[in-house]
Amino acid sequence: MRLEATVPDTRGDAIVQLADELGLSRSQIVDEALALFLKAVLEVRRGRRLVMLDPTSSQPACEIATPTLAALEWAQRPEKLELPSEALAKMKALVEAAPQPSPRLRAAAKRRAR
């Protein structure tokens, strides 16, 4: 399958340099990167975190994270929100007492709907 992606120039330069250093094609570098990302997503979905280990002590040296992996991790652990009845009543009152939309807001909504 042929894919096309836009990456920042600095990453593009890094891909070319790495491909030259390792004697691989750019397609091979991208394939390796995708394989690692797919594995990372699978592990995060299993509730695991990705870390680099220090080879001398087998202790985690640093955690590997991306915005996507962090979002997946947070989505995996939803927490039940319990509010006191007073807070729920206040929220209901605020919704019921909400002001009517102004003419400017209505006009903006109409423009947005087009």
Protein backbone atom coordinates (compact mmCIF):
# COMPACT_ATOMS: atom_id res chain seq x y z
CA MET A 1 0.00 0.00 0.00
CA ARG A 2 1.22 3.44 -0.80
CA LEU A 3 0.76 6.12 1.87
CA GLU A 4 1.48 9.80 1.77
CA ALA A 5 2.10 11.95 4.83
CA THR A 6 3.20 15.46 5.58
CA VAL A 7 5.82 15.73 8.31
CA PRO A 8 7.83 18.70 9.58
CA ASP A 9 11.06 19.33 7.71
CA THR A 10 13.13 18.44 10.78
CA ARG A 11 11.51 14.99 10.98
CA GLY A 12 11.89 14.50 7.25
CA ASP A 13 15.59 15.33 7.53
CA ALA A 14 15.92 12.93 10.47
CA ILE A 15 14.26 10.15 8.44
CA VAL A 16 16.65 10.67 5.53
CA GLN A 17 19.67 10.77 7.86
CA LEU A 18 18.57 7.67 9.77
CA ALA A 19 17.85 5.77 6.55
CA ASP A 20 21.36 6.59 5.32
CA GLU A 21 22.95 5.59 8.64
CA LEU A 22 21.11 2.26 8.81
CA GLY A 23 21.21 1.49 5.11
CA LEU A 24 17.42 1.36 4.90
CA SER A 25 14.94 3.00 2.59
CA ARG A 26 12.68 5.77 3.86
CA SER A 27 9.76 3.37 3.40
CA GLN A 28 11.46 0.88 5.71
CA ILE A 29 12.00 3.58 8.34
CA VAL A 30 8.33 4.61 8.17
CA ASP A 31 7.23 0.95 8.31
CA GLU A 32 9.36 0.40 11.43
CA ALA A 33 7.92 3.53 13.04
CA LEU A 34 4.35 2.44 12.30
CA ALA A 35 5.03 -1.03 13.68
CA LEU A 36 6.29 0.49 16.94
CA PHE A 37 3.34 2.85 17.18
CA LEU A 38 0.84 0.05 16.57
CA LYS A 39 2.50 -2.02 19.29
CA ALA A 40 2.46 0.99 21.62
CA VAL A 41 -1.27 1.52 21.06
CA LEU A 42 -1.99 -2.16 21.73
CA GLU A 43 -0.02 -2.09 24.98
CA VAL A 44 -1.64 1.12 26.20
CA ARG A 45 -5.05 -0.42 25.49
CA ARG A 46 -4.00 -3.31 27.74
CA GLY A 47 -3.34 -0.80 30.51
CA ARG A 48 0.43 -0.89 30.19
CA ARG A 49 2.90 1.97 29.97
CA LEU A 50 5.89 2.09 27.68
CA VAL A 51 9.30 2.74 29.19
CA MET A 52 12.95 2.61 28.24
CA LEU A 53 15.00 0.39 30.54
CA ASP A 54 18.51 1.12 31.72
CA PRO A 55 20.49 -1.93 30.54
CA THR A 56 22.75 -1.89 33.58
CA SER A 57 20.01 -1.93 36.20
CA SER A 58 16.80 -2.90 34.37
CA GLN A 59 15.19 0.12 36.00
CA PRO A 60 12.94 2.37 33.93
CA ALA A 61 15.01 5.24 32.58
CA CYS A 62 12.16 7.18 30.98
CA GLU A 63 8.57 6.77 29.95
CA ILE A 64 7.64 6.91 26.28
CA ALA A 65 4.60 9.10 25.70
CA THR A 66 2.87 10.90 22.86
CA PRO A 67 -0.29 12.99 22.93
CA THR A 68 -2.22 10.12 21.34
CA LEU A 69 -0.91 7.50 23.77
CA ALA A 70 -1.65 9.79 26.74
CA ALA A 71 -5.21 10.34 25.49
CA LEU A 72 -5.70 6.58 25.11
CA GLU A 73 -4.39 5.99 28.61
CA TRP A 74 -6.79 8.54 30.09
CA ALA A 75 -9.70 7.12 28.10
CA GLN A 76 -8.96 3.64 29.45
CA ARG A 77 -9.53 4.77 33.02
CA PRO A 78 -12.83 6.59 33.24
CA GLU A 79 -13.79 7.66 36.73
CA LYS A 80 -17.28 7.93 38.06
CA LEU A 81 -18.18 11.46 39.04
CA GLU A 82 -20.42 11.80 42.04
CA LEU A 83 -21.85 15.20 42.84
CA PRO A 84 -23.82 16.20 45.90
CA SER A 85 -27.50 16.82 45.28
CA GLU A 86 -26.96 20.54 46.03
CA ALA A 87 -24.50 20.81 43.13
CA LEU A 88 -26.91 19.04 40.78
CA ALA A 89 -29.72 21.36 41.85
CA LYS A 90 -27.50 24.40 41.24
CA MET A 91 -26.57 23.14 37.77
CA LYS A 92 -30.25 22.58 36.95
CA ALA A 93 -31.12 26.07 38.13
CA LEU A 94 -28.33 27.59 36.02
CA VAL A 95 -29.56 25.75 32.92
CA GLU A 96 -33.16 26.79 33.52
CA ALA A 97 -32.17 30.43 34.13
CA ALA A 98 -29.88 30.66 31.10
CA PRO A 99 -30.38 33.89 29.19
CA GLN A 100 -31.83 33.83 25.71
CA PRO A 101 -29.26 34.08 22.90
CA SER A 102 -28.52 37.63 21.79
CA PRO A 103 -29.16 38.78 18.21
CA ARG A 104 -25.40 38.70 17.57
CA LEU A 105 -25.17 35.10 18.77
CA ARG A 106 -28.14 34.09 16.62
CA ALA A 107 -26.56 35.74 13.57
CA ALA A 108 -23.27 33.99 14.23
CA ALA A 109 -25.05 30.64 14.56
CA LYS A 110 -26.84 31.21 11.25
CA ARG A 111 -23.54 32.04 9.51
CA ARG A 112 -21.93 28.92 10.98
CA ALA A 113 -24.83 26.67 9.89
CA ARG A 114 -24.39 27.56 6.21
